Structure formats: structure tokens, C-alpha cells
Amino acid sequence: MFWGFLGLFALMFADTAMLLHFVPGLAIVGALLLAVATSPERILVAFVVMTVGSVLGTSALYAAAAYGGRALLERHGRLFRLDAARLAKLDGLLRRRSAGLMLFALRFVPLLRVYVAIPAGLARVGWRRFLLCSTPGIALFNAAFLFVVLGLVRLVLR
């Protein structure tokens, strides 16, 4: 069971750090959840592992953007599926006063839930503020995802 949880952590880290942006990471995570979340205690452990992996992954992406800079993204933006126009749009969202709310809310929008770390890093949103605003959104997204996957399994197995 340890290896299943380690795999879950690694997948969530890789998904939110955009190391698996070409693979449907959540589909793989959903399949792995079926193997590890077999009791209420293991569901709780899976939630914690998913959330910690996601927070560390998004922190790594934030750091890459903050310290790698805009030049790195403009040069290699195609690796992240970011062109100059999309990057400018995301950047504009986080330069407003409502950056904290955007960091939270964008965690629920497909694709943007991962991308939001890049403009946050570029805009130099403080790391502490980034974590304080992102972590609740990540946790709620993971809880909802876990609920949906396990609910679908119960529905199918009836």
C-alpha cells in the first residue's frame, strides 16, 4: 500500500508541476485512487497525500517561474502550452488586488488550476501569500475529485 500512496504523491506532484502536462494526469490519479482508497482511513490518507503532492508540485512550478523568469517562459513557452498572449492574460489576472481570490478560484478551472502558479511566480506574488491562497483551493479540488471518483465507482458497482 505504501507504494500506491507514493505513486499517488508522485503523480500529483508531477501533474501540478507540469511535468506530465502531455498526459491526462487526473485520469491516472483516478485509477490509482481506486487501488489505494479502500477504507475510510485510506481515503483520508489519500486526500492528505494528494494535497501535499499538489502543494509541493505547484510550489516547484511557482519557483521555476519566479526564478527562471519571463525569458525562460517566452523561450520555452510551447512546453507549457503558453504563448505570449495567454501568458499576458494570466499575468493580468494576478496583478490586480484580487490576486488572492484568483489564486484560490482558478484552482477549480480545468487547465488553469495548474497554470496559475506561472503568472503568480512571474508577478512575484509572495510565496507565503501564494501558499495561503492556493492551498485551500487545492485541498477543495482534491476533496471534490476524490468524492467524484469514489462516487462514480459506487454508482458503477451497484
C-alpha atoms as a PDB file:
ATOM      1  CA  MET A   1       0.000   0.000   0.000  1.00  0.00           C
ATOM      2  CA  PHE A   2       2.963   2.301   0.697  1.00  0.00           C
ATOM      3  CA  TRP A   3       3.971   2.207  -2.985  1.00  0.00           C
ATOM      4  CA  GLY A   4       0.459   3.112  -4.057  1.00  0.00           C
ATOM      5  CA  PHE A   5       0.461   6.206  -1.856  1.00  0.00           C
ATOM      6  CA  LEU A   6       3.977   7.090  -3.007  1.00  0.00           C
ATOM      7  CA  GLY A   7       2.789   6.792  -6.606  1.00  0.00           C
ATOM      8  CA  LEU A   8      -0.204   8.989  -5.813  1.00  0.00           C
ATOM      9  CA  PHE A   9       2.100  11.615  -4.283  1.00  0.00           C
ATOM     10  CA  ALA A  10       4.473  11.481  -7.279  1.00  0.00           C
ATOM     11  CA  LEU A  11       1.629  11.797  -9.794  1.00  0.00           C
ATOM     12  CA  MET A  12       0.063  14.756  -8.016  1.00  0.00           C
ATOM     13  CA  PHE A  13       3.465  16.452  -7.729  1.00  0.00           C
ATOM     14  CA  ALA A  14       4.223  15.838 -11.411  1.00  0.00           C
ATOM     15  CA  ASP A  15       0.748  16.938 -12.507  1.00  0.00           C
ATOM     16  CA  THR A  16       0.839  20.275 -10.666  1.00  0.00           C
ATOM     17  CA  ALA A  17       4.497  20.911 -11.514  1.00  0.00           C
ATOM     18  CA  MET A  18       3.516  20.432 -15.187  1.00  0.00           C
ATOM     19  CA  LEU A  19       5.887  17.532 -15.644  1.00  0.00           C
ATOM     20  CA  LEU A  20       3.014  15.444 -17.031  1.00  0.00           C
ATOM     21  CA  HIS A  21       1.227  18.162 -18.990  1.00  0.00           C
ATOM     22  CA  PHE A  22       1.013  15.917 -22.048  1.00  0.00           C
ATOM     23  CA  VAL A  23      -0.662  13.066 -20.128  1.00  0.00           C
ATOM     24  CA  PRO A  24      -4.162  13.185 -18.595  1.00  0.00           C
ATOM     25  CA  GLY A  25      -2.729  13.091 -15.069  1.00  0.00           C
ATOM     26  CA  LEU A  26      -6.050  13.133 -13.270  1.00  0.00           C
ATOM     27  CA  ALA A  27      -7.211  10.059 -15.185  1.00  0.00           C
ATOM     28  CA  ILE A  28      -4.161   8.180 -13.951  1.00  0.00           C
ATOM     29  CA  VAL A  29      -4.680   9.539 -10.433  1.00  0.00           C
ATOM     30  CA  GLY A  30      -8.303   8.405 -10.552  1.00  0.00           C
ATOM     31  CA  ALA A  31      -7.274   4.878 -11.457  1.00  0.00           C
ATOM     32  CA  LEU A  32      -4.642   4.819  -8.713  1.00  0.00           C
ATOM     33  CA  LEU A  33      -7.194   6.099  -6.193  1.00  0.00           C
ATOM     34  CA  LEU A  34      -9.281   3.020  -6.821  1.00  0.00           C
ATOM     35  CA  ALA A  35      -6.372   0.885  -5.686  1.00  0.00           C
ATOM     36  CA  VAL A  36      -5.413   2.798  -2.539  1.00  0.00           C
ATOM     37  CA  ALA A  37      -8.659   4.316  -1.228  1.00  0.00           C
ATOM     38  CA  THR A  38     -10.228   1.089   0.031  1.00  0.00           C
ATOM     39  CA  SER A  39     -11.336   2.199   3.513  1.00  0.00           C
ATOM     40  CA  PRO A  40     -12.310   5.475   5.200  1.00  0.00           C
ATOM     41  CA  GLU A  41      -8.856   5.758   6.791  1.00  0.00           C
ATOM     42  CA  ARG A  42      -7.116   5.188   3.469  1.00  0.00           C
ATOM     43  CA  ILE A  43      -9.382   7.717   1.768  1.00  0.00           C
ATOM     44  CA  LEU A  44      -8.238  10.302   4.325  1.00  0.00           C
ATOM     45  CA  VAL A  45      -4.587   9.330   3.788  1.00  0.00           C
ATOM     46  CA  ALA A  46      -5.102   9.542   0.010  1.00  0.00           C
ATOM     47  CA  PHE A  47      -6.561  13.048   0.390  1.00  0.00           C
ATOM     48  CA  VAL A  48      -3.606  14.216   2.507  1.00  0.00           C
ATOM     49  CA  VAL A  49      -1.066  12.629   0.140  1.00  0.00           C
ATOM     50  CA  MET A  50      -2.775  14.182  -2.904  1.00  0.00           C
ATOM     51  CA  THR A  51      -2.873  17.615  -1.288  1.00  0.00           C
ATOM     52  CA  VAL A  52       0.742  17.581  -0.093  1.00  0.00           C
ATOM     53  CA  GLY A  53       1.927  16.371  -3.511  1.00  0.00           C
ATOM     54  CA  SER A  54      -0.119  19.074  -5.248  1.00  0.00           C
ATOM     55  CA  VAL A  55       1.097  21.874  -2.971  1.00  0.00           C
ATOM     56  CA  LEU A  56       4.734  20.866  -3.395  1.00  0.00           C
ATOM     57  CA  GLY A  57       4.301  20.493  -7.162  1.00  0.00           C
ATOM     58  CA  THR A  58       2.664  23.887  -7.576  1.00  0.00           C
ATOM     59  CA  SER A  59       5.382  25.401  -5.343  1.00  0.00           C
ATOM     60  CA  ALA A  60       8.037  23.979  -7.657  1.00  0.00           C
ATOM     61  CA  LEU A  61       6.290  25.489 -10.692  1.00  0.00           C
ATOM     62  CA  TYR A  62       5.913  28.815  -8.873  1.00  0.00           C
ATOM     63  CA  ALA A  63       9.649  28.804  -8.034  1.00  0.00           C
ATOM     64  CA  ALA A  64      10.578  27.961 -11.634  1.00  0.00           C
ATOM     65  CA  ALA A  65       8.539  30.928 -12.872  1.00  0.00           C
ATOM     66  CA  ALA A  66       9.736  33.297 -10.146  1.00  0.00           C
ATOM     67  CA  TYR A  67      13.420  32.485 -10.504  1.00  0.00           C
ATOM     68  CA  GLY A  68      13.565  31.258 -14.106  1.00  0.00           C
ATOM     69  CA  GLY A  69      11.802  34.387 -15.224  1.00  0.00           C
ATOM     70  CA  ARG A  70       9.756  35.512 -18.160  1.00  0.00           C
ATOM     71  CA  ALA A  71      12.628  34.988 -20.609  1.00  0.00           C
ATOM     72  CA  LEU A  72      12.621  31.248 -19.885  1.00  0.00           C
ATOM     73  CA  LEU A  73       8.871  31.049 -20.465  1.00  0.00           C
ATOM     74  CA  GLU A  74       8.983  33.124 -23.624  1.00  0.00           C
ATOM     75  CA  ARG A  75      11.751  30.900 -24.977  1.00  0.00           C
ATOM     76  CA  HIS A  76      10.207  27.566 -23.928  1.00  0.00           C
ATOM     77  CA  GLY A  77       6.534  28.504 -23.542  1.00  0.00           C
ATOM     78  CA  ARG A  78       5.420  25.847 -26.003  1.00  0.00           C
ATOM     79  CA  LEU A  79       6.475  23.207 -23.472  1.00  0.00           C
ATOM     80  CA  PHE A  80       3.863  24.653 -21.112  1.00  0.00           C
ATOM     81  CA  ARG A  81       1.333  25.396 -23.875  1.00  0.00           C
ATOM     82  CA  LEU A  82       1.736  29.087 -23.156  1.00  0.00           C
ATOM     83  CA  ASP A  83       2.070  31.636 -25.919  1.00  0.00           C
ATOM     84  CA  ALA A  84       2.715  35.333 -25.249  1.00  0.00           C
ATOM     85  CA  ALA A  85      -0.997  36.240 -25.408  1.00  0.00           C
ATOM     86  CA  ARG A  86      -2.091  33.548 -22.940  1.00  0.00           C
ATOM     87  CA  LEU A  87       0.770  34.442 -20.599  1.00  0.00           C
ATOM     88  CA  ALA A  88      -0.174  38.142 -20.688  1.00  0.00           C
ATOM     89  CA  LYS A  89      -3.820  37.299 -19.949  1.00  0.00           C
ATOM     90  CA  LEU A  90      -2.909  35.172 -16.927  1.00  0.00           C
ATOM     91  CA  ASP A  91      -0.391  37.749 -15.778  1.00  0.00           C
ATOM     92  CA  GLY A  92      -3.053  40.474 -15.872  1.00  0.00           C
ATOM     93  CA  LEU A  93      -5.350  38.421 -13.663  1.00  0.00           C
ATOM     94  CA  LEU A  94      -2.813  38.266 -10.864  1.00  0.00           C
ATOM     95  CA  ARG A  95      -1.606  41.849 -10.959  1.00  0.00           C
ATOM     96  CA  ARG A  96      -4.923  43.064  -9.603  1.00  0.00           C
ATOM     97  CA  ARG A  97      -5.724  43.494  -5.948  1.00  0.00           C
ATOM     98  CA  SER A  98      -7.826  40.348  -6.050  1.00  0.00           C
ATOM     99  CA  ALA A  99      -4.816  38.128  -6.726  1.00  0.00           C
ATOM    100  CA  GLY A 100      -5.504  36.031  -3.620  1.00  0.00           C
ATOM    101  CA  LEU A 101      -9.058  35.312  -4.705  1.00  0.00           C
ATOM    102  CA  MET A 102      -7.859  34.447  -8.212  1.00  0.00           C
ATOM    103  CA  LEU A 103      -5.233  32.058  -6.827  1.00  0.00           C
ATOM    104  CA  PHE A 104      -7.989  30.294  -4.920  1.00  0.00           C
ATOM    105  CA  ALA A 105     -10.714  30.355  -7.581  1.00  0.00           C
ATOM    106  CA  LEU A 106      -8.561  29.319 -10.538  1.00  0.00           C
ATOM    107  CA  ARG A 107      -7.785  26.041  -8.747  1.00  0.00           C
ATOM    108  CA  PHE A 108     -11.251  24.897  -9.867  1.00  0.00           C
ATOM    109  CA  VAL A 109     -10.875  25.747 -13.565  1.00  0.00           C
ATOM    110  CA  PRO A 110      -9.548  22.920 -15.749  1.00  0.00           C
ATOM    111  CA  LEU A 111      -6.019  23.614 -17.038  1.00  0.00           C
ATOM    112  CA  LEU A 112      -5.820  26.968 -15.241  1.00  0.00           C
ATOM    113  CA  ARG A 113      -5.680  25.169 -11.894  1.00  0.00           C
ATOM    114  CA  VAL A 114      -2.106  24.218 -12.766  1.00  0.00           C
ATOM    115  CA  TYR A 115      -1.106  27.206 -14.913  1.00  0.00           C
ATOM    116  CA  VAL A 116      -1.919  29.759 -12.203  1.00  0.00           C
ATOM    117  CA  ALA A 117       1.444  29.110 -10.500  1.00  0.00           C
ATOM    118  CA  ILE A 118       3.333  30.501 -13.514  1.00  0.00           C
ATOM    119  CA  PRO A 119       1.904  34.052 -13.568  1.00  0.00           C
ATOM    120  CA  ALA A 120       1.947  34.076  -9.759  1.00  0.00           C
ATOM    121  CA  GLY A 121       5.676  33.405  -9.859  1.00  0.00           C
ATOM    122  CA  LEU A 122       6.241  35.954 -12.622  1.00  0.00           C
ATOM    123  CA  ALA A 123       4.203  38.593 -10.773  1.00  0.00           C
ATOM    124  CA  ARG A 124       6.255  37.806  -7.657  1.00  0.00           C
ATOM    125  CA  VAL A 125       3.179  37.207  -5.551  1.00  0.00           C
ATOM    126  CA  GLY A 126       4.810  36.438  -2.212  1.00  0.00           C
ATOM    127  CA  TRP A 127       5.403  32.717  -1.667  1.00  0.00           C
ATOM    128  CA  ARG A 128       3.565  32.775   1.659  1.00  0.00           C
ATOM    129  CA  ARG A 129       0.559  34.520   0.104  1.00  0.00           C
ATOM    130  CA  PHE A 130       0.702  32.118  -2.835  1.00  0.00           C
ATOM    131  CA  LEU A 131       0.541  29.134  -0.471  1.00  0.00           C
ATOM    132  CA  LEU A 132      -2.115  30.649   1.800  1.00  0.00           C
ATOM    133  CA  CYS A 133      -4.392  31.349  -1.147  1.00  0.00           C
ATOM    134  CA  SER A 134      -3.630  28.246  -3.226  1.00  0.00           C
ATOM    135  CA  THR A 135      -3.637  25.508  -0.595  1.00  0.00           C
ATOM    136  CA  PRO A 136      -7.339  25.765   0.336  1.00  0.00           C
ATOM    137  CA  GLY A 137      -8.275  25.703  -3.356  1.00  0.00           C
ATOM    138  CA  ILE A 138      -6.021  22.706  -3.965  1.00  0.00           C
ATOM    139  CA  ALA A 139      -7.459  20.893  -0.953  1.00  0.00           C
ATOM    140  CA  LEU A 140     -11.066  21.565  -2.009  1.00  0.00           C
ATOM    141  CA  PHE A 141     -10.354  20.487  -5.587  1.00  0.00           C
ATOM    142  CA  ASN A 142      -8.715  17.280  -4.375  1.00  0.00           C
ATOM    143  CA  ALA A 143     -11.601  16.554  -1.992  1.00  0.00           C
ATOM    144  CA  ALA A 144     -14.128  17.094  -4.792  1.00  0.00           C
ATOM    145  CA  PHE A 145     -12.098  14.942  -7.179  1.00  0.00           C
ATOM    146  CA  LEU A 146     -11.841  12.167  -4.608  1.00  0.00           C
ATOM    147  CA  PHE A 147     -15.573  12.398  -3.916  1.00  0.00           C
ATOM    148  CA  VAL A 148     -16.446  12.219  -7.620  1.00  0.00           C
ATOM    149  CA  VAL A 149     -14.128   9.296  -8.374  1.00  0.00           C
ATOM    150  CA  LEU A 150     -15.290   7.249  -5.407  1.00  0.00           C
ATOM    151  CA  GLY A 151     -18.923   8.190  -6.080  1.00  0.00           C
ATOM    152  CA  LEU A 152     -18.642   7.041  -9.690  1.00  0.00           C
ATOM    153  CA  VAL A 153     -17.144   3.758  -8.563  1.00  0.00           C
ATOM    154  CA  ARG A 154     -20.015   3.149  -6.148  1.00  0.00           C
ATOM    155  CA  LEU A 155     -22.503   4.045  -8.863  1.00  0.00           C
ATOM    156  CA  VAL A 156     -20.928   1.648 -11.361  1.00  0.00           C
ATOM    157  CA  LEU A 157     -20.559  -1.203  -8.876  1.00  0.00           C
ATOM    158  CA  ARG A 158     -24.217  -1.120  -7.780  1.00  0.00           C
END
